[in-house]
Protein backbone atom coordinates (compact mmCIF):
# COMPACT_ATOMS: atom_id res chain seq x y z
CA MET A 1 118.03 103.58 73.30
CA ASN A 2 118.44 102.03 69.69
CA ASP A 3 120.46 104.03 67.03
CA TYR A 4 118.15 104.77 64.20
CA HIS A 5 119.47 106.14 61.11
CA TYR A 6 117.22 107.61 58.20
CA ASN A 7 117.80 109.41 54.93
CA GLU A 8 115.63 112.15 53.49
CA ASN A 9 114.10 109.75 51.07
CA ASP A 10 112.28 107.58 53.81
CA TYR A 11 108.83 108.31 54.80
CA LEU A 12 108.31 110.80 57.91
CA SER A 13 105.77 108.58 58.79
CA ALA A 14 107.91 105.58 59.31
CA LEU A 15 110.51 107.82 61.08
CA VAL A 16 107.92 108.83 63.89
CA THR A 17 106.23 105.33 64.02
CA ALA A 18 109.82 103.96 65.04
CA GLN A 19 110.62 106.92 67.30
CA PRO A 20 107.19 108.16 68.77
CA GLU A 21 108.82 110.90 70.63
CA LEU A 22 109.88 112.66 67.56
CA LEU A 23 106.15 113.78 67.33
CA LEU A 24 107.07 116.61 69.73
CA THR A 25 109.91 117.97 67.51
CA LEU A 26 107.56 118.53 64.72
CA SER A 27 105.93 121.61 66.10
CA HIS A 28 109.32 122.70 66.61
CA PHE A 29 110.07 122.93 63.01
CA GLY A 30 106.65 124.30 62.13
CA ILE A 31 105.27 120.71 60.64
CA PRO A 32 101.89 120.09 61.17
CA MET A 33 100.08 116.68 60.88
CA GLY A 34 98.73 115.52 57.55
CA PHE A 35 101.97 114.39 55.93
CA GLY A 36 100.35 111.08 54.78
CA ASP A 37 102.96 108.90 52.89
CA LYS A 38 105.09 111.92 51.90
CA THR A 39 109.16 111.57 52.40
CA ILE A 40 111.02 113.43 54.97
CA SER A 41 112.51 115.49 51.85
CA GLN A 42 109.12 116.38 50.48
CA VAL A 43 107.61 117.44 53.81
CA CYS A 44 110.70 119.54 54.77
CA HIS A 45 110.68 121.31 51.41
CA GLU A 46 106.81 122.12 52.06
CA HIS A 47 107.63 123.80 55.28
CA GLY A 48 110.95 125.59 54.55
CA VAL A 49 113.04 123.05 56.81
CA ASP A 50 116.35 121.89 55.22
CA PRO A 51 116.07 118.08 55.58
CA LYS A 52 119.76 117.45 56.57
CA PHE A 53 119.30 119.83 59.54
CA PHE A 54 115.99 118.20 60.29
CA LEU A 55 117.65 114.63 60.19
CA LEU A 56 120.63 116.10 62.51
CA ILE A 57 118.09 117.12 65.10
CA CYS A 58 115.99 113.86 65.11
CA GLN A 59 119.61 111.89 65.38
CA VAL A 60 120.82 113.86 68.36
CA TYR A 61 117.15 113.50 69.86
CA SER A 62 116.67 109.79 69.18
CA ASN A 63 120.27 108.32 69.60
CA ASP A 64 121.53 109.33 73.25
CA ASN A 65 125.07 108.23 72.21
CA TYR A 66 125.33 109.96 69.05
CA SER A 67 127.56 113.17 68.93
CA PRO A 68 127.82 114.83 65.56
CA THR A 69 131.30 115.39 64.09
CA ALA A 70 133.03 118.86 63.51
CA THR A 71 132.74 117.71 59.58
CA THR A 72 128.95 116.97 60.02
CA LEU A 73 128.22 120.34 61.64
CA ARG A 74 130.24 122.22 58.94
CA SER A 75 128.31 120.54 56.02
CA THR A 76 124.63 120.99 57.66
CA PRO A 77 122.78 124.15 56.91
CA MET A 78 122.13 125.66 60.32
CA GLU A 79 120.00 128.41 59.42
CA GLY A 80 116.87 126.68 61.07
CA LEU A 81 118.77 126.27 64.40
CA ILE A 82 117.58 129.55 66.08
CA PRO A 83 114.04 129.15 64.88
CA TYR A 84 113.90 125.64 65.97
CA LEU A 85 114.89 126.63 69.41
CA LEU A 86 112.73 129.66 69.50
CA ARG A 87 109.68 127.31 68.49
CA SER A 88 110.97 125.03 71.24
CA HIS A 89 110.69 127.78 73.85
CA ASP A 90 107.32 128.91 72.95
CA TYR A 91 106.10 125.29 72.94
CA TYR A 92 107.21 124.69 76.59
CA LEU A 93 106.15 128.04 77.82
CA ASN A 94 102.53 128.68 76.20
CA ARG A 95 101.54 124.78 75.66
CA ARG A 96 103.27 122.21 77.84
CA LEU A 97 103.69 124.17 81.19
CA PRO A 98 100.05 125.63 81.24
CA HIS A 99 98.81 122.04 80.35
CA ILE A 100 100.60 120.64 83.30
CA GLY A 101 99.29 123.22 85.28
CA HIS A 102 95.87 122.68 84.89
CA HIS A 103 96.53 119.29 86.01
CA LEU A 104 98.44 120.46 89.06
CA GLU A 105 95.55 122.85 89.97
CA LYS A 106 93.03 120.14 89.91
CA ILE A 107 94.98 117.95 92.05
CA ALA A 108 96.15 120.71 94.61
CA ALA A 109 92.29 121.78 94.93
CA LEU A 110 91.90 118.55 96.48
CA LEU A 111 94.86 118.45 98.84
CA PRO A 112 94.86 119.87 102.34
CA GLU A 113 95.60 123.49 101.71
CA ARG A 114 99.16 123.88 102.95
CA ALA A 115 100.12 120.95 100.56
CA GLY A 116 98.27 122.16 97.71
CA LYS A 117 99.62 126.18 98.01
CA ALA A 118 103.10 124.47 98.13
CA ILE A 119 102.71 122.58 95.10
CA ILE A 120 101.47 125.31 93.16
CA LYS A 121 104.05 127.87 94.42
CA PHE A 122 107.06 125.51 93.78
CA PHE A 123 105.66 124.92 89.98
CA ASN A 124 105.19 128.60 89.61
CA ALA A 125 108.80 129.32 90.65
CA TYR A 126 109.58 126.74 88.17
CA ILE A 127 107.75 128.51 85.20
CA GLU A 128 109.82 131.47 86.35
CA ASP A 129 113.51 129.42 86.24
CA VAL A 130 112.17 128.26 82.80
CA ARG A 131 111.51 131.76 81.65
CA GLU A 132 114.48 133.19 82.81
CA HIS A 133 116.70 130.43 81.40
CA PHE A 134 115.13 130.94 77.84
CA GLY A 135 115.24 134.53 78.19
CA HIS A 136 118.82 134.54 78.83
CA GLU A 137 119.33 132.40 75.56
CA GLU A 138 117.25 134.73 73.39
CA THR A 139 118.77 138.11 74.62
CA THR A 140 122.66 136.72 74.77
CA VAL A 141 123.23 133.54 72.88
CA TYR A 142 121.09 133.69 69.82
CA PRO A 143 122.27 137.67 69.22
CA HIS A 144 125.77 136.60 69.63
CA ILE A 145 125.38 133.72 66.79
CA SER A 146 123.87 136.77 64.61
CA HIS A 147 126.82 139.05 65.32
CA LEU A 148 129.19 136.08 64.15
CA LEU A 149 127.41 135.22 61.14
CA GLY A 150 127.27 138.86 60.37
CA GLY A 151 131.10 138.94 60.86
CA GLU A 152 130.42 141.32 63.93
CA ALA A 153 132.24 139.76 66.89
CA LYS A 154 131.51 142.75 69.04
CA ASP A 155 130.42 141.30 72.15
CA ASN A 156 132.60 139.47 74.89
CA PHE A 157 130.37 136.69 75.35
CA LYS A 158 131.68 133.07 74.72
CA ILE A 159 129.57 129.97 74.37
CA LYS A 160 131.76 127.98 76.63
CA ASP A 161 130.57 130.34 79.58
CA PHE A 162 126.93 129.78 78.65
CA LEU A 163 127.48 126.03 78.41
CA GLU A 164 129.20 125.76 81.77
CA SER A 165 126.76 127.85 83.54
CA HIS A 166 123.40 126.83 82.23
CA GLY A 167 121.38 124.55 84.48
CA ASN A 168 119.41 121.31 83.91
CA LEU A 169 115.73 122.41 83.76
CA GLU A 170 114.55 118.92 84.36
CA ASP A 171 116.10 118.56 87.57
CA LYS A 172 113.52 120.53 89.54
CA LEU A 173 110.65 118.67 87.56
CA SER A 174 112.04 115.45 89.08
CA ASP A 175 111.77 117.15 92.86
CA LEU A 176 108.12 118.41 91.84
CA VAL A 177 107.13 114.66 91.23
CA GLN A 178 108.48 113.67 94.73
CA ILE A 179 106.65 116.37 96.19
CA ILE A 180 103.39 115.18 94.55
CA PHE A 181 104.26 111.51 95.30
CA LYS A 182 104.41 112.72 99.28
CA TYR A 183 101.12 114.53 99.60
CA LEU A 184 98.85 112.80 97.31
CA PRO A 185 96.11 111.18 99.04
CA ALA A 186 96.36 107.34 99.55
CA SER A 187 92.70 106.84 98.44
CA PRO A 188 91.13 104.60 95.77
CA ASN A 189 89.69 107.44 94.13
CA LEU A 190 90.74 111.20 94.56
CA GLU A 191 87.40 112.29 94.47
CA ASP A 192 86.48 110.62 98.08
CA CYS A 193 88.90 113.22 99.42
CA HIS A 194 86.58 116.04 100.94
CA THR A 195 89.52 118.60 101.46
CA PRO A 196 87.95 122.19 100.91
CA PRO A 197 89.76 123.20 97.32
CA VAL A 198 91.99 125.78 97.28
CA SER A 199 91.17 128.72 94.86
CA PRO A 200 94.11 129.25 92.38
CA SER A 201 93.14 132.81 91.94
CA SER A 202 93.87 133.51 95.62
CA LEU A 203 97.24 132.28 95.50
CA GLU A 204 99.86 135.13 95.86
CA GLY A 205 102.13 135.78 92.72
CA GLU A 206 99.95 133.28 90.56
CA LEU A 207 101.32 132.20 86.90
CA ILE A 208 99.07 129.66 85.77
CA THR A 209 95.83 130.51 84.08
CA ALA A 210 93.16 129.33 86.06
CA PRO A 211 91.25 126.14 84.44
CA SER A 212 87.55 126.32 83.62
CA ARG A 213 84.95 125.66 86.44
CA SER A 214 83.93 122.60 84.94
CA TYR A 215 87.41 121.47 84.90
CA LEU A 216 87.72 121.55 88.69
CA GLU A 217 84.16 120.28 89.36
CA GLY A 218 84.52 117.03 87.13
CA GLU A 219 85.50 113.80 88.93
CA LEU A 220 89.01 113.27 89.81
CA HIS A 221 90.18 109.41 89.48
CA ASP A 222 93.43 107.96 89.81
CA ASP A 223 94.32 108.14 86.39
CA ASP A 224 94.21 111.73 86.27
CA SER A 225 96.96 111.84 88.71
CA ILE A 226 98.93 109.14 86.72
CA ASP A 227 98.40 111.10 83.63
CA MET A 228 99.76 114.36 85.32
CA ILE A 229 102.86 112.50 86.63
CA PHE A 230 103.63 110.69 83.10
CA ASP A 231 103.19 114.32 81.43
CA ILE A 232 105.67 115.89 84.03
CA LEU A 233 107.99 112.95 83.61
CA GLN A 234 107.54 113.38 79.77
CA LEU A 235 108.54 117.05 80.02
CA SER A 236 111.33 116.25 82.12
CA ARG A 237 112.67 113.89 79.51
CA ASP A 238 111.95 116.29 76.45
CA LEU A 239 113.79 119.05 78.26
CA ARG A 240 116.83 116.92 78.72
CA LYS A 241 116.78 116.03 74.83
CA HIS A 242 116.35 120.16 74.61
CA ALA A 243 119.72 120.72 76.66
CA ILE A 244 121.51 117.60 74.57
CA ILE A 245 120.77 119.44 71.27
CA GLU A 246 122.03 122.45 73.16
CA ASP A 247 125.33 120.81 74.11
CA LYS A 248 125.89 118.73 70.96
CA ILE A 249 124.81 121.08 68.29
CA LEU A 250 124.29 124.66 69.43
CA GLY A 251 127.49 124.55 71.56
CA PRO A 252 129.97 123.03 69.03
CA TYR A 253 128.48 124.91 66.02
CA VAL A 254 129.05 128.33 67.84
CA LYS A 255 132.35 127.49 68.83
CA GLN A 256 133.14 126.92 65.14
CA LEU A 257 132.04 130.30 64.15
CA GLU A 258 133.90 131.85 67.23
CA LYS A 259 136.94 130.09 66.17
CA SER A 260 136.47 131.30 62.28
CA SER A 261 135.86 134.94 63.57
CA ARG A 262 139.30 134.82 64.97
CA LEU A 263 140.90 134.04 61.66
């Protein structure tokens, strides 16, 4: 990926035009669309976001080879880090994963029953993995940061243990895509497949909110399966970026806090 360097006086529209994937981060900052021709600084100040922190996240998200220096981390206000990560968690759990779930249920209803159930079961298990991963961060890592900022190094947690043990959430999404490739019918249009539908509500341990009846009864074309797989791959890529932000910003920042607390 190309290296893009922006400053807070650049137009926000120019940034997201050059790097469309950064649109996904705007909701994590609580920044809505409708910023017109305002600069990054103007938009950030309107929504209570520090421009330096905003640009740091964008730089790490956009540039695979970029790692902020210790000096950069020390000079960047980090008050927005935990709110950013919490909003990211909410976005994945309450928007992106349910959206993909609706896609999957529509496909699974037209597959042989065993294959459809296998896909739904795998995806439900994945949702639980994501929920557990985020829950660990929210109940262990973020309180640890708050303790350090408050001068209370009262827990035995160390950020290096988290960074060494937290898995890659995007890996299982790649497995899911391979399962879909294996079972997806090879027909010009999926609506030609007349396999009796599997009722999502009948699946034990269902976690996905069932789509509307009209959604399931609508025609399903090849484009629907392509859209679904694209969405899964895009989510996988976005989760990898989320992990990179943890590795390149959260981890080094907390290590600095831990070091300072021992002085």
